[in-house]
N, C-alpha and C. Protein backbone atom coordinates (compact mmCIF):
# COMPACT_ATOMS: atom_id res chain seq x y z
N MET A 1 -8.79 -25.79 -81.95
CA MET A 1 -9.79 -26.32 -81.05
C MET A 1 -9.14 -27.39 -80.18
N SER A 2 -8.87 -27.03 -78.96
CA SER A 2 -8.23 -27.95 -78.03
C SER A 2 -9.29 -28.80 -77.34
N ARG A 3 -9.03 -30.10 -77.25
CA ARG A 3 -9.96 -31.01 -76.60
C ARG A 3 -9.55 -31.34 -75.17
N GLY A 4 -8.53 -30.67 -74.63
CA GLY A 4 -8.05 -30.95 -73.28
C GLY A 4 -8.93 -30.32 -72.21
N PHE A 5 -8.60 -30.61 -70.98
CA PHE A 5 -9.29 -30.04 -69.83
C PHE A 5 -8.24 -29.40 -68.93
N ALA A 6 -7.66 -28.31 -69.43
CA ALA A 6 -6.57 -27.64 -68.74
C ALA A 6 -7.05 -26.99 -67.44
N LYS A 7 -6.10 -26.56 -66.64
CA LYS A 7 -6.40 -25.96 -65.35
C LYS A 7 -7.27 -24.71 -65.47
N ARG A 8 -7.12 -23.98 -66.57
CA ARG A 8 -7.88 -22.74 -66.71
C ARG A 8 -9.37 -22.99 -66.89
N TYR A 9 -9.76 -24.21 -67.21
CA TYR A 9 -11.17 -24.56 -67.37
C TYR A 9 -11.80 -25.10 -66.09
N ARG A 10 -11.07 -25.12 -65.00
CA ARG A 10 -11.55 -25.70 -63.75
C ARG A 10 -11.78 -24.63 -62.68
N LEU A 11 -12.76 -24.85 -61.85
CA LEU A 11 -12.92 -24.07 -60.63
C LEU A 11 -12.16 -24.82 -59.55
N LEU A 12 -11.15 -24.19 -58.99
CA LEU A 12 -10.30 -24.90 -58.04
C LEU A 12 -10.38 -24.35 -56.62
N LYS A 13 -10.57 -23.05 -56.49
CA LYS A 13 -10.50 -22.42 -55.17
C LYS A 13 -11.88 -22.35 -54.52
N THR A 14 -11.88 -22.36 -53.22
CA THR A 14 -13.11 -22.28 -52.44
C THR A 14 -13.85 -20.99 -52.76
N ASP A 15 -13.13 -19.90 -52.96
CA ASP A 15 -13.76 -18.62 -53.28
C ASP A 15 -14.53 -18.69 -54.60
N ASP A 16 -13.97 -19.42 -55.58
CA ASP A 16 -14.65 -19.57 -56.87
C ASP A 16 -15.97 -20.31 -56.70
N PHE A 17 -15.95 -21.39 -55.94
CA PHE A 17 -17.17 -22.16 -55.68
C PHE A 17 -18.16 -21.30 -54.89
N SER A 18 -17.68 -20.59 -53.88
CA SER A 18 -18.56 -19.77 -53.04
C SER A 18 -19.25 -18.68 -53.84
N SER A 19 -18.53 -18.05 -54.76
CA SER A 19 -19.14 -16.99 -55.55
C SER A 19 -20.25 -17.54 -56.44
N VAL A 20 -20.08 -18.74 -56.97
CA VAL A 20 -21.12 -19.35 -57.81
C VAL A 20 -22.33 -19.71 -56.95
N PHE A 21 -22.11 -20.30 -55.78
CA PHE A 21 -23.22 -20.67 -54.91
C PHE A 21 -23.94 -19.42 -54.38
N ALA A 22 -23.21 -18.34 -54.12
CA ALA A 22 -23.82 -17.12 -53.59
C ALA A 22 -24.70 -16.43 -54.62
N PHE A 23 -24.40 -16.60 -55.88
CA PHE A 23 -25.18 -15.96 -56.94
C PHE A 23 -26.57 -16.56 -57.08
N LYS A 24 -26.72 -17.81 -56.67
CA LYS A 24 -28.01 -18.51 -56.55
C LYS A 24 -28.77 -18.70 -57.85
N LYS A 25 -28.09 -18.74 -58.97
CA LYS A 25 -28.76 -19.13 -60.21
C LYS A 25 -28.54 -20.62 -60.38
N GLN A 26 -29.62 -21.35 -60.67
CA GLN A 26 -29.49 -22.80 -60.79
C GLN A 26 -30.56 -23.39 -61.70
N GLN A 27 -30.23 -24.55 -62.23
CA GLN A 27 -31.13 -25.37 -63.02
C GLN A 27 -30.97 -26.79 -62.50
N GLY A 28 -32.04 -27.56 -62.50
CA GLY A 28 -31.93 -28.91 -61.97
C GLY A 28 -32.76 -29.93 -62.71
N SER A 29 -32.37 -31.17 -62.56
CA SER A 29 -33.11 -32.31 -63.09
C SER A 29 -33.06 -33.41 -62.03
N ALA A 30 -33.51 -34.58 -62.38
CA ALA A 30 -33.55 -35.68 -61.41
C ALA A 30 -32.16 -36.08 -60.93
N LEU A 31 -31.19 -36.13 -61.83
CA LEU A 31 -29.85 -36.61 -61.47
C LEU A 31 -28.86 -35.49 -61.19
N ILE A 32 -29.04 -34.34 -61.84
CA ILE A 32 -28.01 -33.30 -61.83
C ILE A 32 -28.61 -31.95 -61.49
N GLN A 33 -27.82 -31.15 -60.78
CA GLN A 33 -28.17 -29.77 -60.48
C GLN A 33 -26.98 -28.90 -60.90
N ILE A 34 -27.25 -27.81 -61.60
CA ILE A 34 -26.18 -26.93 -62.06
C ILE A 34 -26.38 -25.55 -61.45
N PHE A 35 -25.36 -25.06 -60.77
CA PHE A 35 -25.30 -23.69 -60.30
C PHE A 35 -24.40 -22.94 -61.28
N TYR A 36 -24.73 -21.70 -61.58
CA TYR A 36 -23.90 -20.98 -62.54
C TYR A 36 -23.83 -19.49 -62.23
N LEU A 37 -22.74 -18.92 -62.66
CA LEU A 37 -22.47 -17.49 -62.52
C LEU A 37 -22.20 -16.97 -63.91
N THR A 38 -23.05 -16.07 -64.38
CA THR A 38 -22.91 -15.56 -65.75
C THR A 38 -21.77 -14.55 -65.83
N GLY A 39 -21.07 -14.58 -66.95
CA GLY A 39 -20.00 -13.62 -67.20
C GLY A 39 -18.86 -13.69 -66.20
N ASN A 40 -18.02 -14.69 -66.35
CA ASN A 40 -16.92 -14.88 -65.40
C ASN A 40 -15.72 -13.96 -65.69
N GLY A 41 -15.80 -13.11 -66.71
CA GLY A 41 -14.71 -12.20 -67.02
C GLY A 41 -13.63 -12.84 -67.88
N LEU A 42 -13.80 -14.08 -68.23
CA LEU A 42 -12.86 -14.79 -69.09
C LEU A 42 -13.56 -15.06 -70.42
N ASN A 43 -12.86 -15.57 -71.38
CA ASN A 43 -13.51 -15.88 -72.65
C ASN A 43 -13.81 -17.37 -72.81
N HIS A 44 -13.90 -18.06 -71.69
CA HIS A 44 -14.21 -19.50 -71.72
C HIS A 44 -14.97 -19.90 -70.46
N ALA A 45 -15.65 -21.02 -70.54
CA ALA A 45 -16.40 -21.55 -69.40
C ALA A 45 -15.46 -22.29 -68.45
N ARG A 46 -15.86 -22.33 -67.17
CA ARG A 46 -15.11 -23.10 -66.17
C ARG A 46 -16.08 -24.02 -65.45
N LEU A 47 -15.54 -25.16 -64.99
CA LEU A 47 -16.37 -26.20 -64.38
C LEU A 47 -15.85 -26.57 -63.00
N GLY A 48 -16.80 -26.73 -62.08
CA GLY A 48 -16.52 -27.28 -60.76
C GLY A 48 -17.48 -28.43 -60.52
N LEU A 49 -17.06 -29.43 -59.77
CA LEU A 49 -17.88 -30.61 -59.53
C LEU A 49 -18.08 -30.86 -58.05
N VAL A 50 -19.29 -31.29 -57.69
CA VAL A 50 -19.60 -31.66 -56.32
C VAL A 50 -20.33 -32.99 -56.35
N VAL A 51 -19.70 -34.01 -55.78
CA VAL A 51 -20.33 -35.33 -55.62
C VAL A 51 -20.08 -35.73 -54.17
N SER A 52 -21.14 -35.71 -53.38
CA SER A 52 -20.98 -35.96 -51.95
C SER A 52 -20.92 -37.44 -51.62
N LYS A 53 -20.42 -37.73 -50.44
CA LYS A 53 -20.39 -39.11 -49.97
C LYS A 53 -21.81 -39.61 -49.70
N LYS A 54 -22.72 -38.69 -49.44
CA LYS A 54 -24.11 -39.07 -49.24
C LYS A 54 -24.70 -39.59 -50.56
N THR A 55 -24.26 -39.04 -51.67
CA THR A 55 -24.74 -39.47 -52.98
C THR A 55 -24.20 -40.85 -53.32
N ALA A 56 -22.90 -41.05 -53.13
CA ALA A 56 -22.27 -42.34 -53.43
C ALA A 56 -21.20 -42.60 -52.38
N LYS A 57 -21.35 -43.67 -51.65
CA LYS A 57 -20.43 -43.98 -50.55
C LYS A 57 -19.02 -44.30 -51.03
N ARG A 58 -18.91 -45.03 -52.14
CA ARG A 58 -17.61 -45.50 -52.60
C ARG A 58 -16.94 -44.48 -53.51
N ALA A 59 -15.65 -44.28 -53.31
CA ALA A 59 -14.89 -43.29 -54.07
C ALA A 59 -14.89 -43.60 -55.56
N HIS A 60 -14.83 -44.88 -55.93
CA HIS A 60 -14.79 -45.21 -57.35
C HIS A 60 -16.08 -44.80 -58.05
N ALA A 61 -17.20 -44.86 -57.35
CA ALA A 61 -18.48 -44.43 -57.93
C ALA A 61 -18.51 -42.91 -58.09
N ARG A 62 -18.04 -42.18 -57.08
CA ARG A 62 -17.98 -40.72 -57.17
C ARG A 62 -17.04 -40.30 -58.29
N ASN A 63 -15.90 -40.94 -58.39
CA ASN A 63 -14.93 -40.61 -59.44
C ASN A 63 -15.49 -40.89 -60.83
N TYR A 64 -16.23 -41.97 -60.99
CA TYR A 64 -16.83 -42.28 -62.29
C TYR A 64 -17.80 -41.18 -62.71
N MET A 65 -18.65 -40.74 -61.78
CA MET A 65 -19.61 -39.70 -62.09
C MET A 65 -18.90 -38.39 -62.48
N LYS A 66 -17.83 -38.06 -61.77
CA LYS A 66 -17.07 -36.86 -62.11
C LYS A 66 -16.42 -37.00 -63.48
N ARG A 67 -15.91 -38.19 -63.81
CA ARG A 67 -15.30 -38.41 -65.13
C ARG A 67 -16.31 -38.21 -66.25
N VAL A 68 -17.52 -38.70 -66.06
CA VAL A 68 -18.55 -38.57 -67.08
C VAL A 68 -18.86 -37.08 -67.33
N VAL A 69 -19.03 -36.31 -66.27
CA VAL A 69 -19.36 -34.89 -66.41
C VAL A 69 -18.18 -34.13 -67.02
N ARG A 70 -16.96 -34.42 -66.56
CA ARG A 70 -15.78 -33.74 -67.12
C ARG A 70 -15.63 -34.04 -68.61
N GLU A 71 -15.87 -35.28 -69.00
CA GLU A 71 -15.76 -35.65 -70.41
C GLU A 71 -16.78 -34.90 -71.25
N TRP A 72 -18.00 -34.79 -70.77
CA TRP A 72 -19.02 -34.05 -71.49
C TRP A 72 -18.60 -32.59 -71.64
N PHE A 73 -18.14 -32.00 -70.54
CA PHE A 73 -17.70 -30.60 -70.57
C PHE A 73 -16.53 -30.41 -71.53
N ARG A 74 -15.59 -31.31 -71.48
CA ARG A 74 -14.41 -31.23 -72.34
C ARG A 74 -14.81 -31.21 -73.82
N CYS A 75 -15.77 -32.01 -74.19
CA CYS A 75 -16.20 -32.10 -75.59
C CYS A 75 -17.08 -30.92 -76.03
N HIS A 76 -17.70 -30.22 -75.09
CA HIS A 76 -18.64 -29.15 -75.43
C HIS A 76 -18.21 -27.77 -74.95
N LYS A 77 -17.02 -27.62 -74.41
CA LYS A 77 -16.63 -26.35 -73.80
C LYS A 77 -16.60 -25.18 -74.78
N GLU A 78 -16.34 -25.44 -76.06
CA GLU A 78 -16.29 -24.35 -77.03
C GLU A 78 -17.68 -23.77 -77.31
N THR A 79 -18.73 -24.54 -77.10
CA THR A 79 -20.08 -24.08 -77.39
C THR A 79 -20.75 -23.44 -76.17
N LEU A 80 -20.13 -23.51 -75.01
CA LEU A 80 -20.72 -22.97 -73.79
C LEU A 80 -20.38 -21.49 -73.62
N PRO A 81 -21.29 -20.73 -73.00
CA PRO A 81 -21.00 -19.31 -72.75
C PRO A 81 -19.91 -19.18 -71.68
N PRO A 82 -19.27 -18.01 -71.60
CA PRO A 82 -18.20 -17.83 -70.61
C PRO A 82 -18.75 -17.65 -69.19
N ASN A 83 -19.25 -18.72 -68.64
CA ASN A 83 -19.82 -18.74 -67.30
C ASN A 83 -19.02 -19.70 -66.43
N ASP A 84 -19.21 -19.57 -65.12
CA ASP A 84 -18.69 -20.55 -64.18
C ASP A 84 -19.84 -21.50 -63.83
N PHE A 85 -19.59 -22.80 -63.96
CA PHE A 85 -20.60 -23.81 -63.69
C PHE A 85 -20.13 -24.71 -62.55
N VAL A 86 -21.02 -24.99 -61.61
CA VAL A 86 -20.77 -26.00 -60.59
C VAL A 86 -21.85 -27.06 -60.77
N VAL A 87 -21.42 -28.26 -61.11
CA VAL A 87 -22.35 -29.36 -61.33
C VAL A 87 -22.37 -30.21 -60.06
N ARG A 88 -23.57 -30.37 -59.52
CA ARG A 88 -23.76 -31.19 -58.32
C ARG A 88 -24.58 -32.41 -58.72
N ILE A 89 -24.09 -33.57 -58.37
CA ILE A 89 -24.80 -34.81 -58.66
C ILE A 89 -25.80 -35.05 -57.53
N ARG A 90 -27.07 -35.12 -57.90
CA ARG A 90 -28.13 -35.34 -56.90
C ARG A 90 -28.32 -36.81 -56.57
N ARG A 91 -28.35 -37.64 -57.60
CA ARG A 91 -28.54 -39.07 -57.40
C ARG A 91 -27.47 -39.82 -58.18
N PRO A 92 -27.03 -40.94 -57.66
CA PRO A 92 -25.94 -41.67 -58.33
C PRO A 92 -26.37 -42.27 -59.66
N PHE A 93 -25.40 -42.38 -60.56
CA PHE A 93 -25.62 -43.09 -61.82
C PHE A 93 -24.40 -43.95 -62.09
N ASN A 94 -24.58 -44.97 -62.92
CA ASN A 94 -23.50 -45.89 -63.25
C ASN A 94 -23.41 -46.01 -64.76
N ARG A 95 -22.69 -47.00 -65.25
CA ARG A 95 -22.50 -47.16 -66.70
C ARG A 95 -23.82 -47.33 -67.45
N GLU A 96 -24.76 -48.01 -66.83
CA GLU A 96 -26.04 -48.25 -67.49
C GLU A 96 -26.88 -46.97 -67.60
N THR A 97 -26.76 -46.07 -66.63
CA THR A 97 -27.58 -44.85 -66.63
C THR A 97 -26.77 -43.60 -66.96
N ALA A 98 -25.52 -43.75 -67.35
CA ALA A 98 -24.68 -42.59 -67.68
C ALA A 98 -25.20 -41.83 -68.89
N ALA A 99 -25.79 -42.52 -69.85
CA ALA A 99 -26.34 -41.85 -71.03
C ALA A 99 -27.46 -40.90 -70.63
N GLU A 100 -28.28 -41.31 -69.68
CA GLU A 100 -29.36 -40.45 -69.19
C GLU A 100 -28.78 -39.22 -68.49
N ALA A 101 -27.71 -39.41 -67.72
CA ALA A 101 -27.06 -38.29 -67.04
C ALA A 101 -26.49 -37.30 -68.06
N ARG A 102 -25.86 -37.82 -69.12
CA ARG A 102 -25.32 -36.93 -70.17
C ARG A 102 -26.44 -36.15 -70.84
N LEU A 103 -27.55 -36.82 -71.10
CA LEU A 103 -28.69 -36.17 -71.74
C LEU A 103 -29.25 -35.06 -70.85
N GLN A 104 -29.42 -35.34 -69.57
CA GLN A 104 -29.91 -34.32 -68.64
C GLN A 104 -28.95 -33.15 -68.54
N LEU A 105 -27.65 -33.44 -68.51
CA LEU A 105 -26.64 -32.38 -68.46
C LEU A 105 -26.72 -31.49 -69.71
N ALA A 106 -26.86 -32.10 -70.87
CA ALA A 106 -26.96 -31.34 -72.12
C ALA A 106 -28.23 -30.47 -72.13
N GLN A 107 -29.34 -31.01 -71.66
CA GLN A 107 -30.59 -30.24 -71.62
C GLN A 107 -30.49 -29.06 -70.68
N LEU A 108 -29.88 -29.28 -69.52
CA LEU A 108 -29.73 -28.18 -68.56
C LEU A 108 -28.81 -27.10 -69.11
N MET A 109 -27.73 -27.50 -69.73
CA MET A 109 -26.79 -26.51 -70.29
C MET A 109 -27.45 -25.73 -71.42
N ARG A 110 -28.29 -26.38 -72.21
CA ARG A 110 -29.01 -25.69 -73.28
C ARG A 110 -29.94 -24.63 -72.71
N ARG A 111 -30.59 -24.93 -71.59
CA ARG A 111 -31.48 -23.95 -70.95
C ARG A 111 -30.72 -22.73 -70.46
N ILE A 112 -29.50 -22.95 -69.96
CA ILE A 112 -28.68 -21.86 -69.42
C ILE A 112 -28.16 -20.97 -70.53
N SER A 113 -27.76 -21.56 -71.64
CA SER A 113 -27.15 -20.79 -72.74
C SER A 113 -28.09 -19.84 -73.41
């Protein structure tokens, strides 16, 4: 059981993101929206992240939000189905509200599985 976040677990190419967005399956909450593509043809889940400048102006805030989501994914990737996920942050969160963001992410992923 590897706890890393290797390249094979990431959505990196524009085509990968486009195919997930084109499939139009999504789940959302107040802070987070998840787009997903079922059955990616691999035996593991992959993650892509979208945090816009409109959501958080400062890069350090956007990077923090991405770190929180990546960490959650890294710890739970073995329990997720082999889908491609694109997580979009709708509203900013910080250290005080990160627990709520993790909870919403877990609830949304449970609905998808």
